[in-house]
C-alpha cells in the first residue's frame, strides 16, 4: 500500500472540482489574453491588424454558415430526377 493514495471524490465533490478547474482555466486564459492585448496596444499598425482580424472573422463565419446551411441533395433523389427528366424527354420525342 502506498501512502499517497487519495480518496475518490463523490458526485458533489467531483462537480465542485470540475467547476473550480474550469474557473482556473478561464482566469488563466483571460490573463493571457489581457497580456496579449497590452502588447498589441503599443503597435503602430493596430488599426490594420483589427481590420484584417475583422475580415478573417467574417470569412470564417461565412465558411461556418455555408458548411452548416448547405446540405447536398440525397444521391437517390438526384438519380430519380435524372430518370424523370429522361422519361419526359423520351415521351416528348414520341
PDB file of N, CA and C in Angstrom:
ATOM      1  N   UNK A   1       0.839  -1.185   0.000  1.00  0.00           N
ATOM      2  CA  UNK A   1       0.000   0.000   0.000  1.00  0.00           C
ATOM      3  C   UNK A   1       0.875   1.236   0.000  1.00  0.00           C
ATOM      4  N   UNK A   2       0.437   2.235  -0.741  1.00  0.00           N
ATOM      5  CA  UNK A   2       1.178   3.493  -0.774  1.00  0.00           C
ATOM      6  C   UNK A   2       0.465   4.523   0.064  1.00  0.00           C
ATOM      7  N   UNK A   3       1.212   5.423   0.647  1.00  0.00           N
ATOM      8  CA  UNK A   3       0.627   6.466   1.476  1.00  0.00           C
ATOM      9  C   UNK A   3       0.113   7.642   0.672  1.00  0.00           C
ATOM     10  N   UNK A   4       0.374   7.677  -0.644  1.00  0.00           N
ATOM     11  CA  UNK A   4      -0.023   8.822  -1.453  1.00  0.00           C
ATOM     12  C   UNK A   4      -1.389   8.631  -2.113  1.00  0.00           C
ATOM     13  N   UNK A   5      -2.070   7.551  -1.823  1.00  0.00           N
ATOM     14  CA  UNK A   5      -3.383   7.316  -2.432  1.00  0.00           C
ATOM     15  C   UNK A   5      -4.390   8.304  -1.864  1.00  0.00           C
ATOM     16  N   UNK A   6      -5.111   8.983  -2.777  1.00  0.00           N
ATOM     17  CA  UNK A   6      -6.115   9.949  -2.356  1.00  0.00           C
ATOM     18  C   UNK A   6      -7.481   9.305  -2.475  1.00  0.00           C
ATOM     19  N   UNK A   7      -8.398   9.653  -1.558  1.00  0.00           N
ATOM     20  CA  UNK A   7      -9.745   9.096  -1.662  1.00  0.00           C
ATOM     21  C   UNK A   7     -10.453   9.635  -2.906  1.00  0.00           C
ATOM     22  N   UNK A   8     -11.286   8.798  -3.496  1.00  0.00           N
ATOM     23  CA  UNK A   8     -12.036   9.207  -4.679  1.00  0.00           C
ATOM     24  C   UNK A   8     -13.164  10.152  -4.257  1.00  0.00           C
ATOM     25  N   UNK A   9     -13.320  11.304  -4.940  1.00  0.00           N
ATOM     26  CA  UNK A   9     -14.384  12.248  -4.586  1.00  0.00           C
ATOM     27  C   UNK A   9     -15.747  11.694  -4.990  1.00  0.00           C
ATOM     28  N   UNK A  10     -16.761  12.072  -4.220  1.00  0.00           N
ATOM     29  CA  UNK A  10     -18.116  11.644  -4.574  1.00  0.00           C
ATOM     30  C   UNK A  10     -18.687  12.608  -5.619  1.00  0.00           C
ATOM     31  N   UNK A  11     -19.957  12.453  -5.970  1.00  0.00           N
ATOM     32  CA  UNK A  11     -20.570  13.255  -7.034  1.00  0.00           C
ATOM     33  C   UNK A  11     -20.517  14.743  -6.785  1.00  0.00           C
ATOM     34  N   UNK A  12     -20.827  15.177  -5.578  1.00  0.00           N
ATOM     35  CA  UNK A  12     -20.815  16.605  -5.256  1.00  0.00           C
ATOM     36  C   UNK A  12     -19.412  17.182  -5.300  1.00  0.00           C
ATOM     37  N   UNK A  13     -18.449  16.419  -4.755  1.00  0.00           N
ATOM     38  CA  UNK A  13     -17.064  16.883  -4.775  1.00  0.00           C
ATOM     39  C   UNK A  13     -16.525  16.947  -6.203  1.00  0.00           C
ATOM     40  N   UNK A  14     -16.918  15.984  -7.021  1.00  0.00           N
ATOM     41  CA  UNK A  14     -16.462  15.987  -8.414  1.00  0.00           C
ATOM     42  C   UNK A  14     -16.974  17.219  -9.141  1.00  0.00           C
ATOM     43  N   UNK A  15     -18.235  17.607  -8.881  1.00  0.00           N
ATOM     44  CA  UNK A  15     -18.799  18.792  -9.525  1.00  0.00           C
ATOM     45  C   UNK A  15     -18.059  20.052  -9.085  1.00  0.00           C
ATOM     46  N   UNK A  16     -17.747  20.140  -7.799  1.00  0.00           N
ATOM     47  CA  UNK A  16     -17.020  21.299  -7.279  1.00  0.00           C
ATOM     48  C   UNK A  16     -15.631  21.360  -7.890  1.00  0.00           C
ATOM     49  N   UNK A  17     -14.954  20.212  -7.978  1.00  0.00           N
ATOM     50  CA  UNK A  17     -13.629  20.184  -8.577  1.00  0.00           C
ATOM     51  C   UNK A  17     -13.677  20.578 -10.048  1.00  0.00           C
ATOM     52  N   UNK A  18     -14.708  20.127 -10.746  1.00  0.00           N
ATOM     53  CA  UNK A  18     -14.855  20.465 -12.157  1.00  0.00           C
ATOM     54  C   UNK A  18     -15.062  21.964 -12.341  1.00  0.00           C
ATOM     55  N   UNK A  19     -15.942  22.549 -11.539  1.00  0.00           N
ATOM     56  CA  UNK A  19     -16.205  23.987 -11.633  1.00  0.00           C
ATOM     57  C   UNK A  19     -14.950  24.779 -11.266  1.00  0.00           C
ATOM     58  N   UNK A  20     -14.235  24.348 -10.245  1.00  0.00           N
ATOM     59  CA  UNK A  20     -13.009  25.049  -9.845  1.00  0.00           C
ATOM     60  C   UNK A  20     -11.963  24.961 -10.954  1.00  0.00           C
ATOM     61  N   UNK A  21     -11.851  23.809 -11.589  1.00  0.00           N
ATOM     62  CA  UNK A  21     -10.905  23.660 -12.691  1.00  0.00           C
ATOM     63  C   UNK A  21     -11.260  24.545 -13.864  1.00  0.00           C
ATOM     64  N   UNK A  22     -12.553  24.614 -14.204  1.00  0.00           N
ATOM     65  CA  UNK A  22     -12.997  25.484 -15.286  1.00  0.00           C
ATOM     66  C   UNK A  22     -12.752  26.946 -14.963  1.00  0.00           C
ATOM     67  N   UNK A  23     -12.991  27.336 -13.716  1.00  0.00           N
ATOM     68  CA  UNK A  23     -12.761  28.722 -13.314  1.00  0.00           C
ATOM     69  C   UNK A  23     -11.278  29.074 -13.412  1.00  0.00           C
ATOM     70  N   UNK A  24     -10.414  28.163 -12.987  1.00  0.00           N
ATOM     71  CA  UNK A  24      -8.982  28.415 -13.060  1.00  0.00           C
ATOM     72  C   UNK A  24      -8.534  28.534 -14.516  1.00  0.00           C
ATOM     73  N   UNK A  25      -9.087  27.691 -15.378  1.00  0.00           N
ATOM     74  CA  UNK A  25      -8.763  27.748 -16.800  1.00  0.00           C
ATOM     75  C   UNK A  25      -9.210  29.082 -17.404  1.00  0.00           C
ATOM     76  N   UNK A  26     -10.417  29.538 -17.049  1.00  0.00           N
ATOM     77  CA  UNK A  26     -10.922  30.807 -17.559  1.00  0.00           C
ATOM     78  C   UNK A  26     -10.053  31.973 -17.099  1.00  0.00           C
ATOM     79  N   UNK A  27      -9.659  31.972 -15.831  1.00  0.00           N
ATOM     80  CA  UNK A  27      -8.834  33.057 -15.299  1.00  0.00           C
ATOM     81  C   UNK A  27      -7.472  33.083 -15.989  1.00  0.00           C
ATOM     82  N   UNK A  28      -6.869  31.918 -16.186  1.00  0.00           N
ATOM     83  CA  UNK A  28      -5.551  31.905 -16.830  1.00  0.00           C
ATOM     84  C   UNK A  28      -5.660  32.311 -18.301  1.00  0.00           C
ATOM     85  N   UNK A  29      -6.745  31.916 -18.964  1.00  0.00           N
ATOM     86  CA  UNK A  29      -6.939  32.300 -20.358  1.00  0.00           C
ATOM     87  C   UNK A  29      -7.163  33.791 -20.486  1.00  0.00           C
ATOM     88  N   UNK A  30      -7.980  34.354 -19.595  1.00  0.00           N
ATOM     89  CA  UNK A  30      -8.225  35.800 -19.621  1.00  0.00           C
ATOM     90  C   UNK A  30      -6.940  36.559 -19.329  1.00  0.00           C
ATOM     91  N   UNK A  31      -6.148  36.067 -18.398  1.00  0.00           N
ATOM     92  CA  UNK A  31      -4.873  36.715 -18.086  1.00  0.00           C
ATOM     93  C   UNK A  31      -3.946  36.723 -19.279  1.00  0.00           C
ATOM     94  N   UNK A  32      -3.892  35.616 -20.009  1.00  0.00           N
ATOM     95  CA  UNK A  32      -3.055  35.561 -21.210  1.00  0.00           C
ATOM     96  C   UNK A  32      -3.574  36.509 -22.277  1.00  0.00           C
ATOM     97  N   UNK A  33      -4.892  36.577 -22.432  1.00  0.00           N
ATOM     98  CA  UNK A  33      -5.476  37.462 -23.442  1.00  0.00           C
ATOM     99  C   UNK A  33      -5.205  38.924 -23.112  1.00  0.00           C
ATOM    100  N   UNK A  34      -5.307  39.291 -21.844  1.00  0.00           N
ATOM    101  CA  UNK A  34      -5.046  40.678 -21.442  1.00  0.00           C
ATOM    102  C   UNK A  34      -3.584  41.027 -21.706  1.00  0.00           C
ATOM    103  N   UNK A  35      -2.681  40.114 -21.422  1.00  0.00           N
ATOM    104  CA  UNK A  35      -1.270  40.360 -21.701  1.00  0.00           C
ATOM    105  C   UNK A  35      -1.022  40.552 -23.187  1.00  0.00           C
ATOM    106  N   UNK A  36      -1.690  39.758 -24.009  1.00  0.00           N
ATOM    107  CA  UNK A  36      -1.556  39.910 -25.456  1.00  0.00           C
ATOM    108  C   UNK A  36      -2.117  41.222 -25.945  1.00  0.00           C
ATOM    109  N   UNK A  37      -3.228  41.651 -25.371  1.00  0.00           N
ATOM    110  CA  UNK A  37      -3.823  42.934 -25.758  1.00  0.00           C
ATOM    111  C   UNK A  37      -2.919  44.101 -25.387  1.00  0.00           C
ATOM    112  N   UNK A  38      -2.275  44.011 -24.258  1.00  0.00           N
ATOM    113  CA  UNK A  38      -1.350  45.078 -23.862  1.00  0.00           C
ATOM    114  C   UNK A  38      -0.221  45.204 -24.874  1.00  0.00           C
ATOM    115  N   UNK A  39       0.256  44.073 -25.358  1.00  0.00           N
ATOM    116  CA  UNK A  39       1.308  44.110 -26.363  1.00  0.00           C
ATOM    117  C   UNK A  39       0.820  44.697 -27.672  1.00  0.00           C
ATOM    118  N   UNK A  40      -0.434  44.431 -28.031  1.00  0.00           N
ATOM    119  CA  UNK A  40      -0.985  44.950 -29.277  1.00  0.00           C
ATOM    120  C   UNK A  40      -1.221  46.456 -29.231  1.00  0.00           C
ATOM    121  N   UNK A  41      -1.564  46.970 -28.059  1.00  0.00           N
ATOM    122  CA  UNK A  41      -1.860  48.401 -27.958  1.00  0.00           C
ATOM    123  C   UNK A  41      -0.643  49.264 -28.248  1.00  0.00           C
ATOM    124  N   UNK A  42       0.544  48.750 -28.036  1.00  0.00           N
ATOM    125  CA  UNK A  42       1.746  49.521 -28.277  1.00  0.00           C
ATOM    126  C   UNK A  42       2.175  49.540 -29.735  1.00  0.00           C
ATOM    127  N   UNK A  43       1.512  48.804 -30.595  1.00  0.00           N
ATOM    128  CA  UNK A  43       1.906  48.729 -32.007  1.00  0.00           C
ATOM    129  C   UNK A  43       1.320  49.890 -32.792  1.00  0.00           C
ATOM    130  N   UNK A  44       2.015  50.291 -33.841  1.00  0.00           N
ATOM    131  CA  UNK A  44       1.537  51.400 -34.662  1.00  0.00           C
ATOM    132  C   UNK A  44       0.535  50.936 -35.719  1.00  0.00           C
ATOM    133  N   UNK A  45       0.506  49.641 -36.037  1.00  0.00           N
ATOM    134  CA  UNK A  45      -0.389  49.138 -37.071  1.00  0.00           C
ATOM    135  C   UNK A  45      -1.615  48.414 -36.488  1.00  0.00           C
ATOM    136  N   UNK A  46      -2.033  48.862 -35.326  1.00  0.00           N
ATOM    137  CA  UNK A  46      -3.156  48.209 -34.647  1.00  0.00           C
ATOM    138  C   UNK A  46      -4.432  48.288 -35.479  1.00  0.00           C
ATOM    139  N   UNK A  47      -4.707  49.424 -36.109  1.00  0.00           N
ATOM    140  CA  UNK A  47      -5.938  49.545 -36.897  1.00  0.00           C
ATOM    141  C   UNK A  47      -5.918  48.591 -38.090  1.00  0.00           C
ATOM    142  N   UNK A  48      -4.760  48.438 -38.714  1.00  0.00           N
ATOM    143  CA  UNK A  48      -4.651  47.492 -39.830  1.00  0.00           C
ATOM    144  C   UNK A  48      -4.875  46.063 -39.351  1.00  0.00           C
ATOM    145  N   UNK A  49      -4.305  45.744 -38.193  1.00  0.00           N
ATOM    146  CA  UNK A  49      -4.477  44.398 -37.646  1.00  0.00           C
ATOM    147  C   UNK A  49      -5.940  44.134 -37.307  1.00  0.00           C
ATOM    148  N   UNK A  50      -6.612  45.136 -36.741  1.00  0.00           N
ATOM    149  CA  UNK A  50      -8.023  44.962 -36.409  1.00  0.00           C
ATOM    150  C   UNK A  50      -8.866  44.780 -37.659  1.00  0.00           C
ATOM    151  N   UNK A  51      -8.563  45.521 -38.703  1.00  0.00           N
ATOM    152  CA  UNK A  51      -9.288  45.394 -39.968  1.00  0.00           C
ATOM    153  C   UNK A  51      -9.092  43.996 -40.553  1.00  0.00           C
ATOM    154  N   UNK A  52      -7.860  43.502 -40.534  1.00  0.00           N
ATOM    155  CA  UNK A  52      -7.582  42.162 -41.042  1.00  0.00           C
ATOM    156  C   UNK A  52      -8.251  41.099 -40.184  1.00  0.00           C
ATOM    157  N   UNK A  53      -8.261  41.307 -38.868  1.00  0.00           N
ATOM    158  CA  UNK A  53      -8.920  40.343 -37.980  1.00  0.00           C
ATOM    159  C   UNK A  53     -10.419  40.309 -38.248  1.00  0.00           C
ATOM    160  N   UNK A  54     -11.018  41.472 -38.490  1.00  0.00           N
ATOM    161  CA  UNK A  54     -12.446  41.521 -38.800  1.00  0.00           C
ATOM    162  C   UNK A  54     -12.732  40.782 -40.107  1.00  0.00           C
ATOM    163  N   UNK A  55     -11.904  40.999 -41.121  1.00  0.00           N
ATOM    164  CA  UNK A  55     -12.091  40.304 -42.395  1.00  0.00           C
ATOM    165  C   UNK A  55     -11.940  38.798 -42.225  1.00  0.00           C
ATOM    166  N   UNK A  56     -10.972  38.397 -41.413  1.00  0.00           N
ATOM    167  CA  UNK A  56     -10.762  36.980 -41.163  1.00  0.00           C
ATOM    168  C   UNK A  56     -11.961  36.369 -40.452  1.00  0.00           C
ATOM    169  N   UNK A  57     -12.490  37.070 -39.448  1.00  0.00           N
ATOM    170  CA  UNK A  57     -13.651  36.561 -38.723  1.00  0.00           C
ATOM    171  C   UNK A  57     -14.874  36.464 -39.625  1.00  0.00           C
ATOM    172  N   UNK A  58     -15.056  37.447 -40.502  1.00  0.00           N
ATOM    173  CA  UNK A  58     -16.177  37.391 -41.441  1.00  0.00           C
ATOM    174  C   UNK A  58     -16.041  36.195 -42.375  1.00  0.00           C
ATOM    175  N   UNK A  59     -14.829  35.970 -42.874  1.00  0.00           N
ATOM    176  CA  UNK A  59     -14.606  34.827 -43.767  1.00  0.00           C
ATOM    177  C   UNK A  59     -14.854  33.513 -43.041  1.00  0.00           C
ATOM    178  N   UNK A  60     -14.389  33.412 -41.804  1.00  0.00           N
ATOM    179  CA  UNK A  60     -14.628  32.196 -41.021  1.00  0.00           C
ATOM    180  C   UNK A  60     -16.119  31.996 -40.761  1.00  0.00           C
ATOM    181  N   UNK A  61     -16.815  33.087 -40.468  1.00  0.00           N
ATOM    182  CA  UNK A  61     -18.260  32.993 -40.243  1.00  0.00           C
ATOM    183  C   UNK A  61     -18.993  32.563 -41.491  1.00  0.00           C
ATOM    184  N   UNK A  62     -18.581  33.106 -42.632  1.00  0.00           N
ATOM    185  CA  UNK A  62     -19.202  32.726 -43.902  1.00  0.00           C
ATOM    186  C   UNK A  62     -18.985  31.240 -44.177  1.00  0.00           C
ATOM    187  N   UNK A  63     -17.757  30.765 -43.950  1.00  0.00           N
ATOM    188  CA  UNK A  63     -17.469  29.346 -44.159  1.00  0.00           C
ATOM    189  C   UNK A  63     -18.274  28.461 -43.213  1.00  0.00           C
ATOM    190  N   UNK A  64     -18.383  28.884 -41.962  1.00  0.00           N
ATOM    191  CA  UNK A  64     -19.142  28.094 -40.993  1.00  0.00           C
ATOM    192  C   UNK A  64     -20.618  28.030 -41.372  1.00  0.00           C
ATOM    193  N   UNK A  65     -21.180  29.167 -41.789  1.00  0.00           N
ATOM    194  CA  UNK A  65     -22.591  29.169 -42.189  1.00  0.00           C
ATOM    195  C   UNK A  65     -22.810  28.342 -43.446  1.00  0.00           C
ATOM    196  N   UNK A  66     -21.898  28.458 -44.399  1.00  0.00           N
ATOM    197  CA  UNK A  66     -22.026  27.660 -45.608  1.00  0.00           C
ATOM    198  C   UNK A  66     -21.941  26.172 -45.300  1.00  0.00           C
ATOM    199  N   UNK A  67     -21.044  25.812 -44.407  1.00  0.00           N
ATOM    200  CA  UNK A  67     -20.879  24.407 -44.046  1.00  0.00           C
ATOM    201  C   UNK A  67     -22.129  23.860 -43.358  1.00  0.00           C
ATOM    202  N   UNK A  68     -22.772  24.680 -42.539  1.00  0.00           N
ATOM    203  CA  UNK A  68     -23.958  24.225 -41.803  1.00  0.00           C
ATOM    204  C   UNK A  68     -25.228  24.336 -42.636  1.00  0.00           C
ATOM    205  N   UNK A  69     -25.316  25.359 -43.472  1.00  0.00           N
ATOM    206  CA  UNK A  69     -26.559  25.623 -44.188  1.00  0.00           C
ATOM    207  C   UNK A  69     -26.690  24.785 -45.450  1.00  0.00           C
ATOM    208  N   UNK A  70     -25.585  24.503 -46.125  1.00  0.00           N
ATOM    209  CA  UNK A  70     -25.655  23.797 -47.400  1.00  0.00           C
ATOM    210  C   UNK A  70     -25.643  22.294 -47.156  1.00  0.00           C
ATOM    211  N   UNK A  71     -26.749  21.675 -47.452  1.00  0.00           N
ATOM    212  CA  UNK A  71     -26.846  20.230 -47.350  1.00  0.00           C
ATOM    213  C   UNK A  71     -27.043  19.701 -48.760  1.00  0.00           C
ATOM    214  N   UNK A  72     -26.134  18.900 -49.259  1.00  0.00           N
ATOM    215  CA  UNK A  72     -26.280  18.398 -50.623  1.00  0.00           C
ATOM    216  C   UNK A  72     -27.504  17.494 -50.726  1.00  0.00           C
ATOM    217  N   UNK A  73     -28.129  17.457 -51.896  1.00  0.00           N
ATOM    218  CA  UNK A  73     -29.300  16.599 -52.058  1.00  0.00           C
ATOM    219  C   UNK A  73     -28.910  15.123 -51.953  1.00  0.00           C
ATOM    220  N   UNK A  74     -29.873  14.323 -51.576  1.00  0.00           N
ATOM    221  CA  UNK A  74     -29.627  12.893 -51.441  1.00  0.00           C
ATOM    222  C   UNK A  74     -29.299  12.296 -52.811  1.00  0.00           C
ATOM    223  N   UNK A  75     -28.387  11.356 -52.827  1.00  0.00           N
ATOM    224  CA  UNK A  75     -27.920  10.759 -54.079  1.00  0.00           C
ATOM    225  C   UNK A  75     -29.067  10.106 -54.849  1.00  0.00           C
ATOM    226  N   UNK A  76     -29.907   9.369 -54.158  1.00  0.00           N
ATOM    227  CA  UNK A  76     -31.019   8.696 -54.848  1.00  0.00           C
ATOM    228  C   UNK A  76     -32.028   9.710 -55.381  1.00  0.00           C
ATOM    229  N   UNK A  77     -32.190  10.825 -54.704  1.00  0.00           N
ATOM    230  CA  UNK A  77     -33.090  11.871 -55.189  1.00  0.00           C
ATOM    231  C   UNK A  77     -32.584  12.446 -56.508  1.00  0.00           C
ATOM    232  N   UNK A  78     -31.287  12.664 -56.594  1.00  0.00           N
ATOM    233  CA  UNK A  78     -30.688  13.177 -57.826  1.00  0.00           C
ATOM    234  C   UNK A  78     -30.879  12.177 -58.956  1.00  0.00           C
ATOM    235  N   UNK A  79     -30.657  10.892 -58.671  1.00  0.00           N
ATOM    236  CA  UNK A  79     -30.855   9.867 -59.696  1.00  0.00           C
ATOM    237  C   UNK A  79     -32.304   9.817 -60.161  1.00  0.00           C
ATOM    238  N   UNK A  80     -33.242   9.928 -59.233  1.00  0.00           N
ATOM    239  CA  UNK A  80     -34.655   9.907 -59.599  1.00  0.00           C
ATOM    240  C   UNK A  80     -35.004  11.105 -60.477  1.00  0.00           C
ATOM    241  N   UNK A  81     -34.437  12.260 -60.208  1.00  0.00           N
ATOM    242  CA  UNK A  81     -34.693  13.432 -61.036  1.00  0.00           C
ATOM    243  C   UNK A  81     -34.141  13.231 -62.447  1.00  0.00           C
ATOM    244  N   UNK A  82     -32.988  12.594 -62.567  1.00  0.00           N
ATOM    245  CA  UNK A  82     -32.430  12.309 -63.888  1.00  0.00           C
ATOM    246  C   UNK A  82     -33.324  11.335 -64.662  1.00  0.00           C
ATOM    247  N   UNK A  83     -33.816  10.319 -63.973  1.00  0.00           N
ATOM    248  CA  UNK A  83     -34.698   9.345 -64.626  1.00  0.00           C
ATOM    249  C   UNK A  83     -35.967  10.033 -65.105  1.00  0.00           C
ATOM    250  N   UNK A  84     -36.561  10.857 -64.275  1.00  0.00           N
ATOM    251  CA  UNK A  84     -37.776  11.575 -64.668  1.00  0.00           C
ATOM    252  C   UNK A  84     -37.515  12.494 -65.856  1.00  0.00           C
ATOM    253  N   UNK A  85     -36.367  13.162 -65.871  1.00  0.00           N
ATOM    254  CA  UNK A  85     -36.018  14.037 -66.987  1.00  0.00           C
ATOM    255  C   UNK A  85     -35.871  13.244 -68.268  1.00  0.00           C
ATOM    256  N   UNK A  86     -35.226  12.076 -68.186  1.00  0.00           N
ATOM    257  CA  UNK A  86     -35.062  11.233 -69.386  1.00  0.00           C
ATOM    258  C   UNK A  86     -36.400  10.695 -69.867  1.00  0.00           C
ATOM    259  N   UNK A  87     -37.239  10.298 -68.931  1.00  0.00           N
ATOM    260  CA  UNK A  87     -38.560   9.774 -69.318  1.00  0.00           C
ATOM    261  C   UNK A  87     -39.385  10.855 -70.008  1.00  0.00           C
ATOM    262  N   UNK A  88     -39.357  12.059 -69.438  1.00  0.00           N
ATOM    263  CA  UNK A  88     -40.151  13.131 -70.051  1.00  0.00           C
ATOM    264  C   UNK A  88     -39.550  13.539 -71.402  1.00  0.00           C
ATOM    265  N   UNK A  89     -38.240  13.484 -71.551  1.00  0.00           N
ATOM    266  CA  UNK A  89     -37.609  13.793 -72.840  1.00  0.00           C
ATOM    267  C   UNK A  89     -37.949  12.702 -73.846  1.00  0.00           C
ATOM    268  N   UNK A  90     -38.012  11.454 -73.400  1.00  0.00           N
ATOM    269  CA  UNK A  90     -38.377  10.352 -74.279  1.00  0.00           C
ATOM    270  C   UNK A  90     -39.834  10.438 -74.698  1.00  0.00           C
ATOM    271  N   UNK A  91     -40.716  10.872 -73.828  1.00  0.00           N
ATOM    272  CA  UNK A  91     -42.142  10.989 -74.137  1.00  0.00           C
ATOM    273  C   UNK A  91     -42.373  12.133 -75.125  1.00  0.00           C
ATOM    274  N   UNK A  92     -41.566  13.182 -75.038  1.00  0.00           N
ATOM    275  CA  UNK A  92     -41.694  14.325 -75.958  1.00  0.00           C
ATOM    276  C   UNK A  92     -41.258  13.941 -77.366  1.00  0.00           C
ATOM    277  N   UNK A  93     -40.295  13.020 -77.496  1.00  0.00           N
ATOM    278  CA  UNK A  93     -39.799  12.602 -78.783  1.00  0.00           C
ATOM    279  C   UNK A  93     -40.795  11.715 -79.516  1.00  0.00           C
ATOM    280  N   UNK A  94     -41.622  10.999 -78.765  1.00  0.00           N
ATOM    281  CA  UNK A  94     -42.553  10.042 -79.382  1.00  0.00           C
ATOM    282  C   UNK A  94     -43.767  10.701 -79.975  1.00  0.00           C
TER     283      UNK A  94
END
